[in-house]
């Protein structure tokens, strides 16, 4: 059966999609486009697009990605039940405690405060727990302690260089 202009354009659209998805190289794409516009029959067009997907790829082959808690529906609660309190992230509390303890320990807990603060913020984004303010406070106090140690060593090195 002879091909119409619309048939050629459909084949060209399949070729364009194949090129955009990286299934065809530039030279092969250009050759197939030229042959598609010169094709006279459906079989010639079919040979040009036979090795390319010609529609949406079924999504069953891909694993579903988990939704963040923000996009999940709220659980239905019975009218007489008390709502479940949202927990505070333990790493956020640890970051805050380590940050507060930094001056007492001469800055030794500053590095754990920074590590726990970053860990807590990632967990909070993933799980929706509370404690982001604690994590940020632990981060700030931890970085201040690290900065104090860096300043101490810089002053020490400068004094040693002067003497």
N, C-alpha and C. Protein backbone atom coordinates (compact mmCIF):
# COMPACT_ATOMS: atom_id res chain seq x y z
N UNK A 1 0.85 -1.17 0.00
CA UNK A 1 0.00 0.00 0.00
C UNK A 1 0.90 1.23 0.00
N UNK A 2 0.49 2.23 -0.76
CA UNK A 2 1.27 3.46 -0.87
C UNK A 2 1.13 4.29 0.40
N UNK A 3 2.18 5.00 0.77
CA UNK A 3 2.20 5.83 1.97
C UNK A 3 1.73 7.24 1.65
N UNK A 4 1.03 7.85 2.60
CA UNK A 4 0.57 9.24 2.45
C UNK A 4 1.57 10.18 3.13
N UNK A 5 1.33 11.47 2.96
CA UNK A 5 2.19 12.46 3.64
C UNK A 5 2.07 12.32 5.16
N UNK A 6 0.87 12.05 5.64
CA UNK A 6 0.66 11.88 7.08
C UNK A 6 1.41 10.66 7.59
N UNK A 7 1.46 9.58 6.81
CA UNK A 7 2.21 8.38 7.20
C UNK A 7 3.70 8.71 7.31
N UNK A 8 4.22 9.47 6.35
CA UNK A 8 5.64 9.85 6.40
C UNK A 8 5.93 10.72 7.62
N UNK A 9 5.03 11.65 7.93
CA UNK A 9 5.23 12.53 9.08
C UNK A 9 5.20 11.73 10.39
N UNK A 10 4.31 10.74 10.50
CA UNK A 10 4.29 9.90 11.69
C UNK A 10 5.62 9.15 11.85
N UNK A 11 6.14 8.61 10.73
CA UNK A 11 7.43 7.91 10.78
C UNK A 11 8.55 8.88 11.18
N UNK A 12 8.51 10.09 10.66
CA UNK A 12 9.53 11.10 11.01
C UNK A 12 9.43 11.45 12.49
N UNK A 13 8.19 11.53 13.02
CA UNK A 13 8.03 11.81 14.46
C UNK A 13 8.65 10.70 15.31
N UNK A 14 8.48 9.45 14.90
CA UNK A 14 9.08 8.33 15.63
C UNK A 14 10.60 8.44 15.56
N UNK A 15 11.14 8.80 14.40
CA UNK A 15 12.59 8.96 14.26
C UNK A 15 13.11 10.10 15.12
N UNK A 16 12.36 11.21 15.17
CA UNK A 16 12.77 12.35 16.00
C UNK A 16 12.82 11.94 17.47
N UNK A 17 11.80 11.19 17.91
CA UNK A 17 11.77 10.74 19.31
C UNK A 17 12.94 9.80 19.58
N UNK A 18 13.23 8.91 18.64
CA UNK A 18 14.36 7.99 18.81
C UNK A 18 15.68 8.73 18.89
N UNK A 19 15.83 9.79 18.10
CA UNK A 19 17.05 10.59 18.15
C UNK A 19 17.14 11.36 19.47
N UNK A 20 16.02 11.94 19.90
CA UNK A 20 16.01 12.71 21.14
C UNK A 20 16.31 11.83 22.35
N UNK A 21 15.90 10.56 22.29
CA UNK A 21 16.15 9.64 23.40
C UNK A 21 17.54 9.03 23.34
N UNK A 22 18.30 9.32 22.29
CA UNK A 22 19.65 8.78 22.17
C UNK A 22 19.71 7.40 21.56
N UNK A 23 18.64 6.97 20.90
CA UNK A 23 18.62 5.65 20.28
C UNK A 23 19.26 5.67 18.90
N UNK A 24 19.37 6.84 18.29
CA UNK A 24 19.96 6.99 16.96
C UNK A 24 21.07 8.01 17.01
N UNK A 25 22.12 7.75 16.26
CA UNK A 25 23.19 8.74 16.12
C UNK A 25 22.79 9.79 15.10
N UNK A 26 23.54 10.89 15.04
CA UNK A 26 23.22 12.00 14.15
C UNK A 26 23.19 11.56 12.69
N UNK A 27 24.21 10.86 12.23
CA UNK A 27 24.26 10.48 10.81
C UNK A 27 23.16 9.48 10.46
N UNK A 28 22.93 8.50 11.33
CA UNK A 28 21.87 7.52 11.06
C UNK A 28 20.50 8.19 11.07
N UNK A 29 20.30 9.14 11.97
CA UNK A 29 19.04 9.88 12.03
C UNK A 29 18.81 10.64 10.72
N UNK A 30 19.82 11.34 10.24
CA UNK A 30 19.68 12.11 8.99
C UNK A 30 19.40 11.19 7.80
N UNK A 31 20.08 10.03 7.75
CA UNK A 31 19.84 9.09 6.65
C UNK A 31 18.42 8.57 6.68
N UNK A 32 17.94 8.20 7.86
CA UNK A 32 16.58 7.67 7.98
C UNK A 32 15.53 8.72 7.65
N UNK A 33 15.76 9.96 8.06
CA UNK A 33 14.82 11.04 7.74
C UNK A 33 14.72 11.21 6.23
N UNK A 34 15.87 11.22 5.56
CA UNK A 34 15.89 11.36 4.10
C UNK A 34 15.13 10.21 3.45
N UNK A 35 15.39 8.99 3.91
CA UNK A 35 14.71 7.82 3.34
C UNK A 35 13.22 7.85 3.66
N UNK A 36 12.84 8.38 4.82
CA UNK A 36 11.42 8.44 5.18
C UNK A 36 10.66 9.38 4.24
N UNK A 37 11.26 10.53 3.92
CA UNK A 37 10.58 11.46 3.02
C UNK A 37 10.54 10.94 1.58
N UNK A 38 11.44 10.01 1.22
CA UNK A 38 11.46 9.43 -0.12
C UNK A 38 10.65 8.14 -0.21
N UNK A 39 10.19 7.60 0.92
CA UNK A 39 9.49 6.32 0.93
C UNK A 39 8.17 6.42 0.17
N UNK A 40 7.85 5.35 -0.55
CA UNK A 40 6.62 5.30 -1.33
C UNK A 40 5.57 4.40 -0.71
N UNK A 41 6.00 3.40 0.09
CA UNK A 41 5.05 2.43 0.63
C UNK A 41 5.17 2.35 2.15
N UNK A 42 4.12 1.76 2.75
CA UNK A 42 4.11 1.55 4.20
C UNK A 42 5.24 0.63 4.64
N UNK A 43 5.56 -0.37 3.84
CA UNK A 43 6.61 -1.31 4.23
C UNK A 43 7.97 -0.62 4.30
N UNK A 44 8.23 0.34 3.41
CA UNK A 44 9.49 1.08 3.48
C UNK A 44 9.56 1.90 4.77
N UNK A 45 8.44 2.52 5.14
CA UNK A 45 8.41 3.30 6.37
C UNK A 45 8.56 2.40 7.59
N UNK A 46 7.90 1.24 7.54
CA UNK A 46 7.98 0.31 8.67
C UNK A 46 9.40 -0.18 8.89
N UNK A 47 10.14 -0.40 7.82
CA UNK A 47 11.54 -0.85 7.96
C UNK A 47 12.40 0.23 8.63
N UNK A 48 12.06 1.50 8.43
CA UNK A 48 12.85 2.59 9.02
C UNK A 48 12.63 2.72 10.53
N UNK A 49 11.45 2.36 11.01
CA UNK A 49 11.13 2.57 12.43
C UNK A 49 10.92 1.27 13.19
N UNK A 50 11.19 0.14 12.56
CA UNK A 50 10.91 -1.16 13.19
C UNK A 50 11.70 -1.37 14.48
N UNK A 51 12.92 -0.84 14.58
CA UNK A 51 13.75 -1.07 15.76
C UNK A 51 13.60 0.02 16.82
N UNK A 52 12.59 0.91 16.67
CA UNK A 52 12.37 1.99 17.62
C UNK A 52 11.00 1.83 18.27
N UNK A 53 10.85 2.23 19.55
CA UNK A 53 9.52 2.20 20.16
C UNK A 53 8.62 3.21 19.47
N UNK A 54 7.39 2.83 19.22
CA UNK A 54 6.49 3.69 18.47
C UNK A 54 5.34 4.19 19.32
N UNK A 55 5.58 4.37 20.55
CA UNK A 55 4.57 4.87 21.46
C UNK A 55 5.15 4.92 22.86
N UNK A 56 4.32 5.23 23.84
CA UNK A 56 4.83 5.26 25.22
C UNK A 56 5.33 3.90 25.65
N UNK A 57 6.48 3.90 26.32
CA UNK A 57 7.05 2.66 26.83
C UNK A 57 6.27 2.28 28.08
N UNK A 58 5.87 1.01 28.22
CA UNK A 58 5.14 0.62 29.43
C UNK A 58 5.98 0.90 30.68
N UNK A 59 5.35 1.43 31.70
CA UNK A 59 6.06 1.83 32.91
C UNK A 59 6.21 0.70 33.91
N UNK A 60 5.66 -0.48 33.64
CA UNK A 60 5.73 -1.57 34.59
C UNK A 60 7.15 -2.05 34.81
N UNK A 61 8.04 -1.80 33.86
CA UNK A 61 9.41 -2.28 34.01
C UNK A 61 10.23 -1.43 34.98
N UNK A 62 9.71 -0.27 35.35
CA UNK A 62 10.43 0.60 36.27
C UNK A 62 9.87 0.44 37.67
N UNK A 63 10.75 0.54 38.66
CA UNK A 63 10.33 0.46 40.06
C UNK A 63 9.68 1.78 40.45
N UNK A 64 8.57 1.77 41.16
CA UNK A 64 7.98 3.03 41.61
C UNK A 64 8.87 3.68 42.67
N UNK A 65 8.98 4.99 42.58
CA UNK A 65 9.78 5.72 43.55
C UNK A 65 8.90 6.07 44.74
N UNK A 66 9.42 5.94 45.96
CA UNK A 66 8.60 6.26 47.13
C UNK A 66 8.32 7.77 47.19
N UNK A 67 7.13 8.12 47.60
CA UNK A 67 6.76 9.52 47.73
C UNK A 67 7.25 10.06 49.06
N UNK A 68 7.70 11.33 49.06
CA UNK A 68 8.04 11.93 50.35
C UNK A 68 6.79 12.02 51.22
N UNK A 69 6.99 12.04 52.51
CA UNK A 69 5.86 12.07 53.44
C UNK A 69 4.99 13.30 53.22
N UNK A 70 5.55 14.37 52.67
CA UNK A 70 4.80 15.59 52.43
C UNK A 70 3.63 15.34 51.48
N UNK A 71 3.81 14.44 50.51
CA UNK A 71 2.79 14.21 49.49
C UNK A 71 1.86 13.05 49.83
N UNK A 72 2.08 12.40 50.95
CA UNK A 72 1.22 11.29 51.34
C UNK A 72 -0.05 11.85 52.00
N UNK A 73 -1.19 11.18 51.81
CA UNK A 73 -2.41 11.68 52.45
C UNK A 73 -2.33 11.52 53.96
N UNK A 74 -3.01 12.39 54.65
CA UNK A 74 -3.05 12.33 56.10
C UNK A 74 -3.82 11.08 56.51
N UNK A 75 -3.36 10.35 57.53
CA UNK A 75 -4.10 9.17 57.96
C UNK A 75 -5.44 9.57 58.57
N UNK A 76 -6.43 8.78 58.28
CA UNK A 76 -7.76 9.04 58.83
C UNK A 76 -7.75 8.71 60.32
N UNK A 77 -8.31 9.60 61.11
CA UNK A 77 -8.34 9.39 62.54
C UNK A 77 -9.79 9.31 63.01
N UNK A 78 -10.00 8.50 63.98
CA UNK A 78 -11.33 8.40 64.58
C UNK A 78 -11.58 9.68 65.38
N UNK A 79 -12.81 10.13 65.46
CA UNK A 79 -13.07 11.39 66.17
C UNK A 79 -12.66 11.36 67.64
N UNK A 80 -12.72 10.21 68.29
CA UNK A 80 -12.41 10.15 69.71
C UNK A 80 -10.93 9.92 69.99
N UNK A 81 -10.15 9.63 68.97
CA UNK A 81 -8.73 9.34 69.19
C UNK A 81 -7.93 10.62 69.28
N UNK A 82 -6.89 10.54 70.07
CA UNK A 82 -5.96 11.65 70.13
C UNK A 82 -5.01 11.53 68.96
N UNK A 83 -4.62 12.64 68.31
CA UNK A 83 -3.69 12.55 67.18
C UNK A 83 -2.32 12.09 67.65
N UNK A 84 -1.66 11.32 66.79
CA UNK A 84 -0.32 10.84 67.09
C UNK A 84 0.66 12.01 67.01
N UNK A 85 1.43 12.24 68.07
CA UNK A 85 2.41 13.34 68.00
C UNK A 85 3.55 12.97 67.05
N UNK A 86 4.03 13.98 66.33
CA UNK A 86 5.16 13.77 65.44
C UNK A 86 6.42 13.78 66.30
N UNK A 87 7.29 12.81 66.08
CA UNK A 87 8.50 12.68 66.90
C UNK A 87 9.56 13.69 66.48
N UNK A 88 10.40 14.04 67.42
CA UNK A 88 11.56 14.88 67.15
C UNK A 88 12.72 13.96 66.79
N UNK A 89 13.45 14.35 65.77
CA UNK A 89 14.57 13.54 65.29
C UNK A 89 15.66 13.47 66.36
N UNK A 90 16.12 12.25 66.65
CA UNK A 90 17.15 12.06 67.68
C UNK A 90 18.49 12.65 67.29
N UNK A 91 18.83 12.60 66.00
CA UNK A 91 20.11 13.18 65.57
C UNK A 91 20.11 14.69 65.73
N UNK A 92 18.93 15.32 65.56
CA UNK A 92 18.84 16.77 65.75
C UNK A 92 19.09 17.13 67.21
N UNK A 93 18.52 16.34 68.11
CA UNK A 93 18.76 16.58 69.53
C UNK A 93 20.23 16.36 69.86
N UNK A 94 20.82 15.31 69.29
CA UNK A 94 22.24 15.06 69.51
C UNK A 94 23.11 16.18 68.99
N UNK A 95 22.75 16.74 67.82
CA UNK A 95 23.52 17.86 67.26
C UNK A 95 23.46 19.07 68.18
N UNK A 96 22.27 19.36 68.70
CA UNK A 96 22.13 20.50 69.60
C UNK A 96 22.92 20.29 70.89
N UNK A 97 22.85 19.11 71.46
CA UNK A 97 23.58 18.83 72.70
C UNK A 97 25.09 18.94 72.46
N UNK A 98 25.58 18.36 71.36
CA UNK A 98 27.02 18.46 71.06
C UNK A 98 27.43 19.90 70.82
N UNK A 99 26.56 20.68 70.16
CA UNK A 99 26.88 22.09 69.93
C UNK A 99 26.94 22.89 71.21
N UNK A 100 26.00 22.60 72.13
CA UNK A 100 26.00 23.30 73.42
C UNK A 100 27.21 22.89 74.26
N UNK A 101 27.63 21.65 74.16
CA UNK A 101 28.76 21.15 74.94
C UNK A 101 30.13 21.58 74.37
N UNK A 102 30.14 22.15 73.19
CA UNK A 102 31.41 22.50 72.54
C UNK A 102 32.28 23.43 73.40
N UNK A 103 31.75 24.52 73.98
CA UNK A 103 32.63 25.37 74.80
C UNK A 103 33.15 24.65 76.05
N UNK A 104 32.35 23.76 76.62
CA UNK A 104 32.75 23.05 77.83
C UNK A 104 33.85 22.03 77.51
N UNK A 105 33.78 21.43 76.34
CA UNK A 105 34.76 20.40 75.95
C UNK A 105 35.88 20.99 75.10
N UNK A 106 36.04 22.28 75.10
CA UNK A 106 37.06 22.96 74.32
C UNK A 106 36.92 22.66 72.82
N UNK A 107 35.69 22.54 72.37
CA UNK A 107 35.43 22.36 70.94
C UNK A 107 35.52 20.93 70.44
N UNK A 108 35.74 19.96 71.32
CA UNK A 108 35.88 18.58 70.86
C UNK A 108 34.57 18.01 70.32
N UNK A 109 33.43 18.55 70.76
CA UNK A 109 32.15 18.05 70.27
C UNK A 109 31.62 18.86 69.08
N UNK A 110 32.44 19.76 68.56
CA UNK A 110 32.00 20.57 67.42
C UNK A 110 31.84 19.73 66.16
N UNK A 111 32.78 18.86 65.91
CA UNK A 111 32.70 18.03 64.69
C UNK A 111 31.51 17.08 64.76
N UNK A 112 31.28 16.37 65.89
CA UNK A 112 30.05 15.56 65.95
C UNK A 112 28.78 16.39 65.80
N UNK A 113 28.78 17.64 66.29
CA UNK A 113 27.61 18.49 66.15
C UNK A 113 27.31 18.77 64.68
N UNK A 114 28.36 19.05 63.91
CA UNK A 114 28.18 19.32 62.48
C UNK A 114 27.71 18.07 61.75
N UNK A 115 28.33 16.95 62.04
CA UNK A 115 27.96 15.69 61.37
C UNK A 115 26.52 15.32 61.69
N UNK A 116 26.17 15.36 62.98
CA UNK A 116 24.80 15.02 63.38
C UNK A 116 23.78 16.01 62.83
N UNK A 117 24.16 17.28 62.75
CA UNK A 117 23.24 18.29 62.20
C UNK A 117 22.91 18.04 60.75
N UNK A 118 23.93 17.73 59.94
CA UNK A 118 23.68 17.43 58.52
C UNK A 118 22.87 16.14 58.38
N UNK A 119 23.22 15.14 59.17
CA UNK A 119 22.49 13.87 59.13
C UNK A 119 21.04 14.08 59.52
N UNK A 120 20.80 14.85 60.56
CA UNK A 120 19.44 15.10 61.03
C UNK A 120 18.61 15.84 59.99
N UNK A 121 19.19 16.84 59.33
CA UNK A 121 18.43 17.59 58.33
C UNK A 121 18.02 16.69 57.17
N UNK A 122 18.91 15.77 56.77
CA UNK A 122 18.56 14.85 55.69
C UNK A 122 17.44 13.91 56.13
N UNK A 123 17.52 13.40 57.35
CA UNK A 123 16.48 12.51 57.87
C UNK A 123 15.14 13.24 58.01
N UNK A 124 15.19 14.48 58.45
CA UNK A 124 13.96 15.26 58.64
C UNK A 124 13.28 15.50 57.29
N UNK A 125 14.06 15.81 56.27
CA UNK A 125 13.48 16.00 54.93
C UNK A 125 12.84 14.71 54.44
N UNK A 126 13.47 13.58 54.75
CA UNK A 126 12.98 12.29 54.25
C UNK A 126 11.77 11.79 55.03
N UNK A 127 11.75 11.96 56.35
CA UNK A 127 10.71 11.35 57.18
C UNK A 127 9.63 12.31 57.65
N UNK A 128 9.89 13.62 57.62
CA UNK A 128 8.90 14.59 58.08
C UNK A 128 8.89 14.78 59.58
N UNK A 129 9.92 14.32 60.28
CA UNK A 129 9.98 14.49 61.72
C UNK A 129 10.22 15.96 62.07
N UNK A 130 10.08 16.26 63.36
CA UNK A 130 10.37 17.60 63.84
C UNK A 130 11.85 17.68 64.22
N UNK A 131 12.32 18.89 64.51
CA UNK A 131 13.68 19.07 65.02
C UNK A 131 14.61 19.80 64.07
N UNK A 132 14.07 20.41 63.01
CA UNK A 132 14.95 21.10 62.07
C UNK A 132 15.66 22.27 62.74
N UNK A 133 14.98 22.97 63.64
CA UNK A 133 15.61 24.09 64.35
C UNK A 133 16.75 23.62 65.25
N UNK A 134 16.56 22.46 65.89
CA UNK A 134 17.63 21.91 66.72
C UNK A 134 18.83 21.54 65.86
N UNK A 135 18.55 20.94 64.69
CA UNK A 135 19.65 20.55 63.81
C UNK A 135 20.43 21.78 63.34
N UNK A 136 19.71 22.83 62.98
CA UNK A 136 20.38 24.06 62.51
C UNK A 136 21.18 24.69 63.65
N UNK A 137 20.62 24.73 64.86
CA UNK A 137 21.35 25.29 66.00
C UNK A 137 22.62 24.47 66.27
N UNK A 138 22.51 23.14 66.20
CA UNK A 138 23.70 22.30 66.38
C UNK A 138 24.74 22.56 65.30
N UNK A 139 24.27 22.73 64.05
CA UNK A 139 25.21 23.05 62.96
C UNK A 139 25.93 24.37 63.21
N UNK A 140 25.17 25.39 63.57
CA UNK A 140 25.77 26.71 63.79
C UNK A 140 26.78 26.67 64.93
N UNK A 141 26.39 26.07 66.06
CA UNK A 141 27.31 25.99 67.19
C UNK A 141 28.54 25.14 66.85
N UNK A 142 28.33 24.06 66.10
CA UNK A 142 29.46 23.22 65.70
C UNK A 142 30.43 23.96 64.80
N UNK A 143 29.88 24.67 63.80
CA UNK A 143 30.78 25.42 62.91
C UNK A 143 31.47 26.57 63.65
N UNK A 144 30.80 27.18 64.62
CA UNK A 144 31.46 28.22 65.42
C UNK A 144 32.62 27.62 66.21
N UNK A 145 32.44 26.43 66.77
CA UNK A 145 33.53 25.77 67.50
C UNK A 145 34.69 25.43 66.59
N UNK A 146 34.38 24.92 65.39
CA UNK A 146 35.45 24.61 64.43
C UNK A 146 36.17 25.88 64.00
N UNK A 147 35.39 26.96 63.80
CA UNK A 147 35.99 28.24 63.44
C UNK A 147 36.89 28.78 64.55
N UNK A 148 36.48 28.57 65.79
CA UNK A 148 37.30 29.03 66.93
C UNK A 148 38.63 28.27 66.96
N UNK A 149 38.58 26.95 66.72
CA UNK A 149 39.83 26.18 66.67
C UNK A 149 40.71 26.63 65.51
N UNK A 150 40.11 26.90 64.35
CA UNK A 150 40.88 27.36 63.20
C UNK A 150 41.54 28.71 63.51
N UNK A 151 40.80 29.61 64.16
CA UNK A 151 41.36 30.90 64.54
C UNK A 151 42.48 30.73 65.56
N UNK A 152 42.30 29.84 66.51
CA UNK A 152 43.34 29.58 67.51
C UNK A 152 44.63 29.10 66.84
N UNK A 153 44.50 28.12 65.92
CA UNK A 153 45.69 27.62 65.23
C UNK A 153 46.33 28.67 64.34
N UNK A 154 45.53 29.52 63.71
CA UNK A 154 46.07 30.58 62.87
C UNK A 154 46.86 31.58 63.70
N UNK A 155 46.31 31.98 64.84
CA UNK A 155 47.03 32.90 65.73
C UNK A 155 48.30 32.25 66.26
N UNK A 156 48.23 30.98 66.63
CA UNK A 156 49.39 30.25 67.12
C UNK A 156 50.49 30.19 66.06
N UNK A 157 50.12 29.91 64.83
CA UNK A 157 51.10 29.84 63.72
C UNK A 157 51.70 31.20 63.46
N UNK A 158 50.88 32.26 63.49
CA UNK A 158 51.41 33.60 63.26
C UNK A 158 52.35 34.02 64.37
N UNK A 159 52.01 33.71 65.61
CA UNK A 159 52.91 34.05 66.72
C UNK A 159 54.21 33.29 66.64
N UNK A 160 54.15 32.03 66.21
CA UNK A 160 55.37 31.24 66.05
C UNK A 160 56.22 31.80 64.92
N UNK A 161 55.60 32.32 63.88
CA UNK A 161 56.35 32.85 62.74
C UNK A 161 56.99 34.19 63.10
N UNK A 162 56.35 34.96 63.97
CA UNK A 162 56.90 36.25 64.37
C UNK A 162 58.11 36.07 65.29
N UNK A 163 58.06 35.08 66.14
CA UNK A 163 59.16 34.84 67.07
C UNK A 163 60.20 34.08 66.43
